[in-house]
């Protein structure tokens, strides 16, 4: 009887890949959201209005719960006949 040995690539199935997926990637996304939040909060109200959001919308835009494109124009688009 012969044994079959399956070699797994450490980069694909290793502990480093699991840690990367479960810990490092979420931390990187959190850091990016925090940087975006700080950057938007540093803008004055006039600049925020120029990009189409209000200060109260910043957390939702950063978290992705508010679509920044929908926040730009509250008017309904005119549909050509």
Protein backbone atom coordinates (compact mmCIF):
# COMPACT_ATOMS: atom_id res chain seq x y z
CA UNK A 1 0.00 0.00 0.00
CA UNK A 2 1.37 3.42 -0.92
CA UNK A 3 0.52 6.66 0.81
CA UNK A 4 -0.37 9.73 -1.19
CA UNK A 5 1.17 12.91 0.11
CA UNK A 6 -0.58 16.13 -0.71
CA UNK A 7 1.57 19.22 -0.44
CA UNK A 8 -0.33 22.37 0.37
CA UNK A 9 1.11 25.74 -0.45
CA UNK A 10 1.59 27.75 2.75
CA UNK A 11 0.53 30.96 1.02
CA UNK A 12 -2.81 29.42 0.06
CA UNK A 13 -3.77 27.34 3.09
CA UNK A 14 -1.36 28.36 5.80
CA UNK A 15 -1.90 30.02 9.11
CA UNK A 16 -0.55 33.29 7.67
CA UNK A 17 -3.32 33.34 5.07
CA UNK A 18 -5.97 32.73 7.73
CA UNK A 19 -4.58 35.45 9.98
CA UNK A 20 -4.43 37.79 7.02
CA UNK A 21 -8.06 37.19 6.13
CA UNK A 22 -9.47 37.24 9.64
CA UNK A 23 -7.31 39.88 11.30
CA UNK A 24 -5.09 41.93 9.01
CA UNK A 25 -7.55 42.67 6.19
CA UNK A 26 -10.31 43.86 8.56
CA UNK A 27 -7.78 46.01 10.42
CA UNK A 28 -6.60 47.55 7.14
CA UNK A 29 -10.21 48.34 6.16
CA UNK A 30 -10.83 49.87 9.59
CA UNK A 31 -7.72 52.02 9.29
CA UNK A 32 -8.79 53.19 5.81
CA UNK A 33 -12.28 54.09 7.10
CA UNK A 34 -10.79 56.00 10.04
CA UNK A 35 -8.48 57.93 7.68
CA UNK A 36 -11.40 58.77 5.37
CA UNK A 37 -13.49 59.89 8.34
CA UNK A 38 -10.72 62.15 9.67
CA UNK A 39 -10.08 63.60 6.23
CA UNK A 40 -13.76 64.42 5.66
CA UNK A 41 -14.17 65.83 9.17
CA UNK A 42 -11.22 68.15 8.54
CA UNK A 43 -13.07 69.80 5.63
CA UNK A 44 -15.12 72.92 6.28
CA UNK A 45 -18.86 72.94 5.60
CA UNK A 46 -18.43 74.78 2.29
CA UNK A 47 -16.06 72.12 0.98
CA UNK A 48 -18.40 69.35 2.15
CA UNK A 49 -21.25 71.06 0.31
CA UNK A 50 -19.07 71.18 -2.82
CA UNK A 51 -18.69 67.41 -2.75
CA UNK A 52 -22.37 66.96 -1.97
CA UNK A 53 -22.49 65.78 1.62
CA UNK A 54 -23.20 67.31 4.99
CA UNK A 55 -21.18 66.80 8.15
CA UNK A 56 -23.92 64.58 9.58
CA UNK A 57 -23.64 62.25 6.56
CA UNK A 58 -19.91 61.61 6.97
CA UNK A 59 -20.22 58.49 9.19
CA UNK A 60 -22.73 56.92 6.78
CA UNK A 61 -20.64 57.72 3.72
CA UNK A 62 -17.51 56.28 5.33
CA UNK A 63 -19.32 53.13 6.52
CA UNK A 64 -21.00 52.69 3.15
CA UNK A 65 -24.56 52.98 4.45
CA UNK A 66 -25.11 56.24 2.54
CA UNK A 67 -24.42 56.34 -1.17
CA UNK A 68 -22.33 59.49 -1.75
CA UNK A 69 -23.77 59.81 -5.26
CA UNK A 70 -27.32 59.79 -3.93
CA UNK A 71 -26.36 62.39 -1.33
CA UNK A 72 -25.11 64.79 -4.00
CA UNK A 73 -28.47 65.71 -5.49
CA UNK A 74 -31.75 65.22 -3.69
CA UNK A 75 -33.75 66.34 -6.74
CA UNK A 76 -35.22 63.65 -8.93
CA UNK A 77 -33.46 63.41 -12.30
CA UNK A 78 -35.30 64.78 -15.31
CA UNK A 79 -36.10 62.03 -17.77
CA UNK A 80 -36.05 63.10 -21.41
CA UNK A 81 -39.21 62.24 -23.32
